[in-house]
N, C-alpha and C. Protein backbone atom coordinates (compact mmCIF):
# COMPACT_ATOMS: atom_id res chain seq x y z
N MET A 1 -14.85 15.87 5.20
CA MET A 1 -15.35 14.88 6.00
C MET A 1 -15.30 15.09 7.44
N GLN A 2 -14.32 16.05 7.81
CA GLN A 2 -14.03 16.29 9.21
C GLN A 2 -15.19 17.58 9.73
N ASN A 3 -15.50 18.27 8.69
CA ASN A 3 -16.72 19.18 8.97
C ASN A 3 -18.19 18.63 8.99
N LEU A 4 -18.17 17.64 8.41
CA LEU A 4 -19.52 16.46 8.66
C LEU A 4 -19.68 16.13 9.87
N ARG A 5 -18.54 15.51 10.57
CA ARG A 5 -18.58 14.88 11.72
C ARG A 5 -18.86 16.13 12.72
N PHE A 6 -18.21 17.16 12.88
CA PHE A 6 -18.44 17.99 13.84
C PHE A 6 -19.86 18.66 13.54
N SER A 7 -20.48 18.68 12.54
CA SER A 7 -21.77 19.52 12.43
C SER A 7 -22.82 18.41 12.94
N VAL A 8 -22.41 17.15 12.82
CA VAL A 8 -23.49 16.06 13.37
C VAL A 8 -23.34 16.12 14.87
N SER A 9 -22.36 16.35 15.22
CA SER A 9 -22.04 16.41 16.86
C SER A 9 -22.63 17.66 17.35
N GLY A 10 -22.45 18.64 16.81
CA GLY A 10 -22.87 20.05 16.93
C GLY A 10 -24.46 20.03 17.27
N ARG A 11 -25.05 19.42 16.28
CA ARG A 11 -26.44 19.52 16.21
C ARG A 11 -26.89 18.36 17.65
N LEU A 12 -26.01 17.55 17.84
CA LEU A 12 -26.56 16.46 18.91
C LEU A 12 -26.37 17.37 20.35
N TRP A 13 -25.36 18.03 20.26
CA TRP A 13 -24.79 18.87 21.55
C TRP A 13 -26.08 19.75 21.87
N VAL A 14 -26.44 20.43 20.62
CA VAL A 14 -27.62 21.59 20.76
C VAL A 14 -28.66 20.90 21.01
N ALA A 15 -29.35 19.76 20.64
CA ALA A 15 -30.48 19.01 20.94
C ALA A 15 -30.45 18.49 22.59
N LEU A 16 -29.17 18.05 23.09
CA LEU A 16 -29.13 17.58 24.53
C LEU A 16 -29.30 18.77 25.30
N THR A 17 -28.51 19.61 24.99
CA THR A 17 -28.43 21.15 26.09
C THR A 17 -30.07 21.60 25.94
N THR A 18 -30.73 21.52 24.79
CA THR A 18 -32.11 21.96 24.78
C THR A 18 -33.15 21.27 25.52
N ALA A 19 -32.95 19.90 25.48
CA ALA A 19 -33.61 19.16 26.36
C ALA A 19 -33.32 18.86 27.94
N LEU A 20 -31.89 19.21 28.20
CA LEU A 20 -31.72 19.39 29.68
C LEU A 20 -32.21 20.65 30.34
N LEU A 21 -32.41 21.81 29.22
CA LEU A 21 -32.85 23.00 29.65
C LEU A 21 -34.18 22.97 29.95
N LEU A 22 -34.76 22.33 28.88
CA LEU A 22 -36.38 22.20 29.24
C LEU A 22 -36.73 21.26 30.30
N GLY A 23 -35.98 20.14 30.56
CA GLY A 23 -36.50 19.25 31.71
C GLY A 23 -36.11 20.02 32.94
N SER A 24 -34.98 20.84 33.14
CA SER A 24 -34.88 21.69 34.22
C SER A 24 -36.02 22.39 34.58
N LEU A 25 -36.37 23.13 33.46
CA LEU A 25 -37.68 24.23 33.84
C LEU A 25 -38.69 23.64 34.24
N THR A 26 -39.06 22.35 33.47
CA THR A 26 -40.26 21.80 33.78
C THR A 26 -40.33 21.17 35.47
N ALA A 27 -38.92 20.68 35.73
CA ALA A 27 -38.80 20.39 37.10
C ALA A 27 -38.98 21.46 38.16
N LEU A 28 -38.40 22.69 37.92
CA LEU A 28 -38.61 23.74 38.75
C LEU A 28 -39.80 24.45 38.87
N SER A 29 -40.53 24.28 37.68
CA SER A 29 -42.02 24.95 37.75
C SER A 29 -42.76 24.11 38.71
N GLY A 30 -42.42 22.95 39.08
CA GLY A 30 -43.41 22.32 40.09
C GLY A 30 -43.12 22.43 41.49
N CYS A 31 -42.02 23.41 41.78
CA CYS A 31 -41.33 23.60 43.11
C CYS A 31 -42.27 24.82 43.52
N GLY A 32 -43.00 25.35 42.67
CA GLY A 32 -43.51 26.96 43.15
C GLY A 32 -44.38 26.90 44.26
N SER A 33 -44.66 27.95 44.90
CA SER A 33 -45.93 28.01 46.05
C SER A 33 -47.02 28.64 45.27
N ASP A 34 -48.09 28.49 45.92
CA ASP A 34 -49.20 28.94 45.43
C ASP A 34 -49.61 30.23 46.22
N GLY A 35 -48.79 30.62 47.24
CA GLY A 35 -48.84 31.86 47.82
C GLY A 35 -49.60 31.77 49.13
N GLY A 36 -49.75 30.59 49.73
CA GLY A 36 -50.52 30.32 50.92
C GLY A 36 -51.79 29.45 50.44
N SER A 37 -52.33 29.18 51.49
CA SER A 37 -53.84 28.45 51.56
C SER A 37 -54.76 29.34 51.94
N GLN A 38 -54.69 30.76 52.30
CA GLN A 38 -55.86 31.61 52.59
C GLN A 38 -56.44 32.07 51.37
N PRO A 39 -57.77 32.04 51.25
CA PRO A 39 -58.49 32.61 50.32
C PRO A 39 -58.35 33.93 50.03
N ALA A 40 -58.64 34.46 48.81
CA ALA A 40 -58.71 35.75 48.34
C ALA A 40 -59.87 36.51 49.10
N ALA A 41 -59.76 37.75 49.37
CA ALA A 41 -60.82 38.60 50.05
C ALA A 41 -62.27 38.49 49.31
N GLY A 42 -62.14 38.20 48.14
CA GLY A 42 -63.72 38.15 47.62
C GLY A 42 -64.10 36.37 47.13
N GLU A 43 -63.11 35.69 47.71
CA GLU A 43 -63.59 34.13 47.53
C GLU A 43 -64.27 33.77 48.88
N ALA A 44 -65.33 33.07 48.62
CA ALA A 44 -65.83 32.25 49.57
C ALA A 44 -65.57 31.07 49.90
N GLN A 45 -65.44 30.72 51.13
CA GLN A 45 -64.75 29.45 51.46
C GLN A 45 -65.72 28.31 51.47
N ALA A 46 -64.97 27.21 50.64
CA ALA A 46 -65.72 26.09 50.32
C ALA A 46 -66.18 25.28 51.49
N GLU A 47 -67.63 24.61 50.99
CA GLU A 47 -68.16 23.94 52.51
C GLU A 47 -67.34 22.71 52.51
N PRO A 48 -67.08 22.10 53.90
CA PRO A 48 -66.45 20.90 53.95
C PRO A 48 -67.42 19.91 53.68
N GLN A 49 -66.75 18.98 52.70
CA GLN A 49 -67.44 17.76 52.49
C GLN A 49 -67.71 16.84 53.33
N GLN A 50 -68.78 15.95 53.29
CA GLN A 50 -69.20 15.02 54.34
C GLN A 50 -68.19 13.76 54.35
N ALA A 51 -67.70 13.45 54.99
CA ALA A 51 -66.72 12.41 54.95
C ALA A 51 -67.35 11.05 54.45
N ALA A 52 -66.73 10.16 53.81
CA ALA A 52 -67.20 8.94 53.54
C ALA A 52 -67.04 8.21 54.71
N PRO A 53 -68.17 7.06 54.85
CA PRO A 53 -67.92 6.14 55.95
C PRO A 53 -66.59 5.48 56.02
N PRO A 54 -66.19 5.03 56.99
CA PRO A 54 -64.78 4.40 57.07
C PRO A 54 -64.94 2.95 56.70
N LYS A 55 -63.86 2.46 56.00
CA LYS A 55 -63.93 1.28 55.53
C LYS A 55 -63.65 0.27 56.99
N GLY A 56 -64.28 -1.02 56.76
CA GLY A 56 -64.24 -2.11 58.03
C GLY A 56 -65.10 -1.63 59.20
N VAL A 57 -66.00 -0.77 59.14
CA VAL A 57 -66.95 -0.52 60.04
C VAL A 57 -68.00 -1.71 60.71
N ALA A 58 -67.80 -2.13 61.99
CA ALA A 58 -68.59 -3.06 62.30
C ALA A 58 -70.15 -3.05 62.13
N PRO A 59 -71.09 -3.88 61.82
CA PRO A 59 -72.36 -3.95 61.78
C PRO A 59 -72.72 -4.08 62.94
N PRO A 60 -74.29 -3.26 63.12
CA PRO A 60 -74.86 -3.56 64.34
C PRO A 60 -74.98 -5.13 65.11
N ALA A 61 -75.20 -5.37 66.19
CA ALA A 61 -75.09 -6.70 66.70
C ALA A 61 -76.18 -7.36 65.98
N ASP A 62 -77.58 -6.59 65.79
CA ASP A 62 -78.64 -7.37 65.43
C ASP A 62 -78.63 -7.44 63.92
N HIS A 63 -78.00 -7.04 63.12
CA HIS A 63 -77.79 -7.24 61.70
C HIS A 63 -77.42 -8.46 61.20
N ARG A 64 -77.65 -9.01 59.97
CA ARG A 64 -77.30 -10.38 59.77
C ARG A 64 -75.77 -10.31 59.35
N MET A 65 -75.33 -9.15 58.96
CA MET A 65 -73.86 -8.95 58.18
C MET A 65 -73.21 -9.20 59.48
N ALA A 66 -73.34 -8.88 60.71
CA ALA A 66 -72.71 -9.45 62.01
C ALA A 66 -72.31 -10.72 62.23
N LYS A 67 -73.19 -11.50 61.61
CA LYS A 67 -72.82 -13.02 61.73
C LYS A 67 -71.92 -13.52 60.77
N VAL A 68 -71.35 -12.52 59.91
CA VAL A 68 -70.15 -13.06 59.26
C VAL A 68 -68.97 -12.59 59.74
N THR A 69 -68.03 -13.60 59.66
CA THR A 69 -66.67 -13.41 60.63
C THR A 69 -65.37 -13.47 59.58
N LEU A 70 -64.33 -12.85 60.02
CA LEU A 70 -63.33 -12.96 59.26
C LEU A 70 -62.85 -14.29 58.95
N GLY A 71 -62.32 -14.67 57.93
CA GLY A 71 -61.85 -16.33 57.54
C GLY A 71 -63.11 -16.97 57.24
N MET A 72 -64.01 -16.67 57.33
CA MET A 72 -65.12 -17.51 56.78
C MET A 72 -65.22 -17.56 55.19
N PRO A 73 -65.58 -18.97 54.71
CA PRO A 73 -65.60 -19.27 53.44
C PRO A 73 -66.84 -18.71 52.40
N VAL A 74 -66.82 -18.54 51.33
CA VAL A 74 -68.10 -18.03 50.45
C VAL A 74 -69.11 -18.67 50.53
N SER A 75 -69.08 -19.89 50.80
CA SER A 75 -70.45 -20.71 50.93
C SER A 75 -71.26 -20.26 52.19
N GLU A 76 -70.53 -19.91 53.16
CA GLU A 76 -71.05 -19.86 54.52
C GLU A 76 -71.66 -18.40 54.54
N VAL A 77 -70.70 -17.42 53.85
CA VAL A 77 -71.48 -15.93 53.65
C VAL A 77 -72.68 -15.92 52.80
N GLU A 78 -72.57 -16.69 51.65
CA GLU A 78 -73.93 -16.74 50.90
C GLU A 78 -75.21 -17.19 51.65
N THR A 79 -74.81 -18.44 52.37
CA THR A 79 -75.71 -18.75 53.29
C THR A 79 -76.37 -17.83 54.22
N ILE A 80 -75.62 -17.03 54.68
CA ILE A 80 -76.11 -15.91 55.76
C ILE A 80 -76.69 -14.96 54.99
N MET A 81 -76.15 -14.27 53.70
CA MET A 81 -76.21 -13.15 53.28
C MET A 81 -77.16 -13.01 51.96
N GLY A 82 -77.15 -14.32 51.41
CA GLY A 82 -77.97 -14.60 50.17
C GLY A 82 -76.82 -14.11 48.63
N SER A 83 -77.29 -14.17 47.67
CA SER A 83 -76.54 -13.60 46.66
C SER A 83 -76.34 -12.27 46.45
N PRO A 84 -75.07 -11.61 46.34
CA PRO A 84 -74.64 -10.26 46.38
C PRO A 84 -75.66 -9.55 45.08
N THR A 85 -75.82 -8.47 45.48
CA THR A 85 -76.31 -7.40 44.38
C THR A 85 -75.43 -7.17 43.36
N HIS A 86 -74.22 -7.17 43.77
CA HIS A 86 -73.12 -7.03 42.77
C HIS A 86 -71.81 -7.39 43.22
N GLN A 87 -70.97 -7.92 42.17
CA GLN A 87 -69.59 -8.20 42.67
C GLN A 87 -68.82 -8.13 41.67
N LYS A 88 -67.32 -7.91 41.93
CA LYS A 88 -66.35 -7.66 41.14
C LYS A 88 -64.89 -8.17 41.64
N SER A 89 -63.92 -8.05 41.15
CA SER A 89 -62.70 -8.67 41.26
C SER A 89 -61.64 -7.84 41.02
N TYR A 90 -60.48 -7.65 41.95
CA TYR A 90 -59.63 -6.58 41.59
C TYR A 90 -58.21 -7.17 42.29
N MET A 91 -57.12 -6.36 41.80
CA MET A 91 -55.73 -6.74 42.36
C MET A 91 -55.26 -5.71 43.29
N THR A 92 -54.48 -5.95 44.26
CA THR A 92 -53.93 -5.02 45.25
C THR A 92 -52.62 -4.77 44.70
N GLY A 93 -51.87 -4.01 45.39
CA GLY A 93 -50.64 -3.90 45.49
C GLY A 93 -49.55 -5.12 45.46
N LYS A 94 -50.02 -5.89 46.50
CA LYS A 94 -49.43 -6.85 46.75
C LYS A 94 -49.08 -8.06 45.83
N ALA A 95 -50.11 -8.13 44.69
CA ALA A 95 -49.87 -8.87 43.39
C ALA A 95 -48.75 -8.72 42.74
N PHE A 96 -48.12 -7.48 42.96
CA PHE A 96 -46.84 -7.15 42.02
C PHE A 96 -45.66 -7.07 43.11
N VAL A 97 -45.65 -7.91 44.13
CA VAL A 97 -44.32 -7.96 44.97
C VAL A 97 -43.62 -8.99 44.57
N PRO A 98 -42.60 -9.05 44.11
CA PRO A 98 -41.83 -10.00 43.37
C PRO A 98 -41.41 -11.02 44.58
N PHE A 99 -41.28 -10.92 45.54
CA PHE A 99 -40.94 -11.85 46.60
C PHE A 99 -41.69 -12.35 47.62
N ASN A 100 -43.06 -12.28 47.35
CA ASN A 100 -44.12 -12.42 48.01
C ASN A 100 -44.67 -13.79 48.32
N TYR A 101 -44.01 -14.69 48.98
CA TYR A 101 -44.18 -16.08 49.37
C TYR A 101 -45.17 -16.43 50.69
N GLY A 102 -46.07 -15.35 50.85
CA GLY A 102 -47.23 -15.98 51.54
C GLY A 102 -48.38 -16.42 50.77
N ASN A 103 -49.32 -16.65 51.45
CA ASN A 103 -50.52 -17.53 50.68
C ASN A 103 -51.61 -16.46 49.99
N ASP A 104 -51.45 -14.95 50.37
CA ASP A 104 -51.88 -14.09 49.79
C ASP A 104 -51.39 -13.67 48.22
N SER A 105 -52.72 -13.95 47.35
CA SER A 105 -52.06 -13.41 46.09
C SER A 105 -52.48 -12.19 45.71
N GLY A 106 -52.84 -11.31 46.43
CA GLY A 106 -53.21 -10.10 46.43
C GLY A 106 -54.22 -9.66 45.45
N SER A 107 -55.12 -10.59 45.17
CA SER A 107 -56.48 -10.54 44.47
C SER A 107 -57.46 -10.38 45.27
N ARG A 108 -58.32 -9.73 45.06
CA ARG A 108 -59.72 -9.69 46.10
C ARG A 108 -60.99 -9.78 45.08
N VAL A 109 -62.07 -10.33 45.84
CA VAL A 109 -63.27 -10.26 45.39
C VAL A 109 -64.27 -9.85 46.43
N GLU A 110 -65.14 -8.89 45.66
CA GLU A 110 -65.81 -7.93 46.71
C GLU A 110 -67.30 -8.18 46.19
N TYR A 111 -67.96 -8.62 47.06
CA TYR A 111 -69.72 -8.85 47.06
C TYR A 111 -70.18 -7.42 47.81
N ALA A 112 -71.02 -6.79 46.90
CA ALA A 112 -71.60 -5.65 47.40
C ALA A 112 -73.18 -6.05 47.54
N TYR A 113 -73.80 -5.76 49.01
CA TYR A 113 -75.36 -5.77 49.11
C TYR A 113 -75.92 -4.34 49.33
N LYS A 114 -76.84 -4.23 48.51
CA LYS A 114 -77.68 -2.80 48.56
C LYS A 114 -78.41 -2.44 49.82
N GLY A 115 -77.73 -1.34 50.23
CA GLY A 115 -78.34 -1.11 51.58
C GLY A 115 -77.68 -1.69 53.01
N GLU A 116 -76.69 -2.30 52.66
CA GLU A 116 -75.97 -3.12 53.73
C GLU A 116 -74.67 -3.07 53.86
N GLY A 117 -73.86 -3.01 52.46
CA GLY A 117 -72.36 -3.01 52.63
C GLY A 117 -71.73 -3.83 51.60
N ARG A 118 -70.47 -3.98 51.92
CA ARG A 118 -69.48 -5.07 50.98
C ARG A 118 -68.84 -6.14 51.76
N ILE A 119 -68.52 -7.17 51.32
CA ILE A 119 -67.79 -8.40 51.80
C ILE A 119 -66.84 -8.25 51.03
N ILE A 120 -65.60 -8.39 51.46
CA ILE A 120 -64.11 -8.58 50.57
C ILE A 120 -63.69 -9.64 50.94
N PHE A 121 -63.31 -10.58 49.92
CA PHE A 121 -62.74 -11.89 50.22
C PHE A 121 -61.09 -11.90 49.84
N ALA A 122 -60.36 -12.60 50.08
CA ALA A 122 -58.97 -12.89 49.80
C ALA A 122 -59.05 -13.82 48.86
N VAL A 123 -58.28 -13.94 47.96
CA VAL A 123 -57.91 -15.16 47.08
C VAL A 123 -56.72 -15.85 47.48
N PRO A 124 -56.48 -16.93 47.71
CA PRO A 124 -55.33 -17.41 48.13
C PRO A 124 -54.57 -17.71 46.97
N ARG A 125 -53.19 -17.85 46.95
CA ARG A 125 -52.34 -18.26 46.03
C ARG A 125 -52.10 -19.78 45.93
N TRP A 126 -51.94 -20.20 47.03
CA TRP A 126 -51.61 -21.65 46.93
C TRP A 126 -52.92 -22.60 47.12
N GLY A 127 -53.97 -22.34 46.46
CA GLY A 127 -55.12 -23.15 46.74
C GLY A 127 -55.97 -22.93 47.64
N GLY A 128 -57.02 -23.73 47.97
CA GLY A 128 -58.14 -23.18 48.89
C GLY A 128 -58.85 -22.12 48.41
N GLY A 129 -60.15 -22.00 49.14
CA GLY A 129 -61.14 -21.21 48.57
C GLY A 129 -61.16 -19.91 49.33
N LEU A 130 -62.10 -19.01 48.77
CA LEU A 130 -62.00 -17.46 49.16
C LEU A 130 -62.24 -17.45 50.61
N LYS A 131 -61.66 -16.37 51.26
CA LYS A 131 -62.11 -16.24 52.83
C LYS A 131 -62.25 -14.83 52.64
N VAL A 132 -63.21 -14.50 53.86
CA VAL A 132 -63.49 -13.27 54.09
C VAL A 132 -62.39 -12.44 54.68
N GLU A 133 -61.64 -11.20 54.13
CA GLU A 133 -60.72 -10.50 54.34
C GLU A 133 -61.13 -9.37 55.13
N ARG A 134 -62.35 -8.67 54.73
CA ARG A 134 -62.98 -7.58 55.37
C ARG A 134 -64.21 -7.34 55.29
N ILE A 135 -65.04 -6.82 56.42
CA ILE A 135 -66.61 -6.37 56.29
C ILE A 135 -66.75 -4.90 56.34
N ASP A 136 -67.21 -4.47 55.34
CA ASP A 136 -67.68 -2.88 55.40
C ASP A 136 -69.17 -2.75 55.62
N TYR A 137 -69.68 -2.40 56.62
CA TYR A 137 -71.18 -1.99 56.79
C TYR A 137 -71.22 -0.82 56.33
N ASP A 138 -72.19 -0.38 55.61
CA ASP A 138 -72.32 0.78 55.03
C ASP A 138 -74.04 0.87 54.48
N PRO A 139 -74.83 1.49 55.43
CA PRO A 139 -76.47 1.45 55.09
C PRO A 139 -76.79 2.02 53.60
N THR A 140 -75.92 2.94 53.30
CA THR A 140 -75.95 3.84 52.06
C THR A 140 -75.33 3.18 50.90
N GLU A 141 -74.80 1.87 51.01
CA GLU A 141 -74.60 1.24 50.08
C GLU A 141 -75.34 1.10 48.78
N ALA A 142 -74.75 1.70 47.51
CA ALA A 142 -75.50 1.40 46.57
C ALA A 142 -75.77 0.36 45.63
N GLY A 143 -74.88 -0.66 46.02
CA GLY A 143 -74.96 -1.98 45.67
C GLY A 143 -74.58 -2.47 44.29
N ASP A 144 -73.67 -1.17 43.72
CA ASP A 144 -73.05 -1.41 42.48
C ASP A 144 -71.52 -1.44 42.27
């Protein structure tokens, strides 16, 4: 009986040692360097990508989206802008904060208007209607 107990714990020790060794090697392999950021002699440098338009860009003063203001309810936005081309809802990281006692639930509703941009509404936690949180003017908006 004594040999059987030693055999099981010996197998366990080998398994734990192997797992620890493999885990250490995996962790250390991520610490390697790529040898610098200079391209090799035969490689061509990549073309710089055009930057995406920044979020929260104000629309021109004569655009109808300029009439939309922060804190405006959905009904007023739909009166000014009409129905959106597309809409979606999503949660932000704030929705997962365990001690968030503010009125912001962390949920958002986004209205997209083709060729104009997006209007993002905050969903309140304690009641009330949606209010404009951010206005993103983007004349290249696909509306999807």
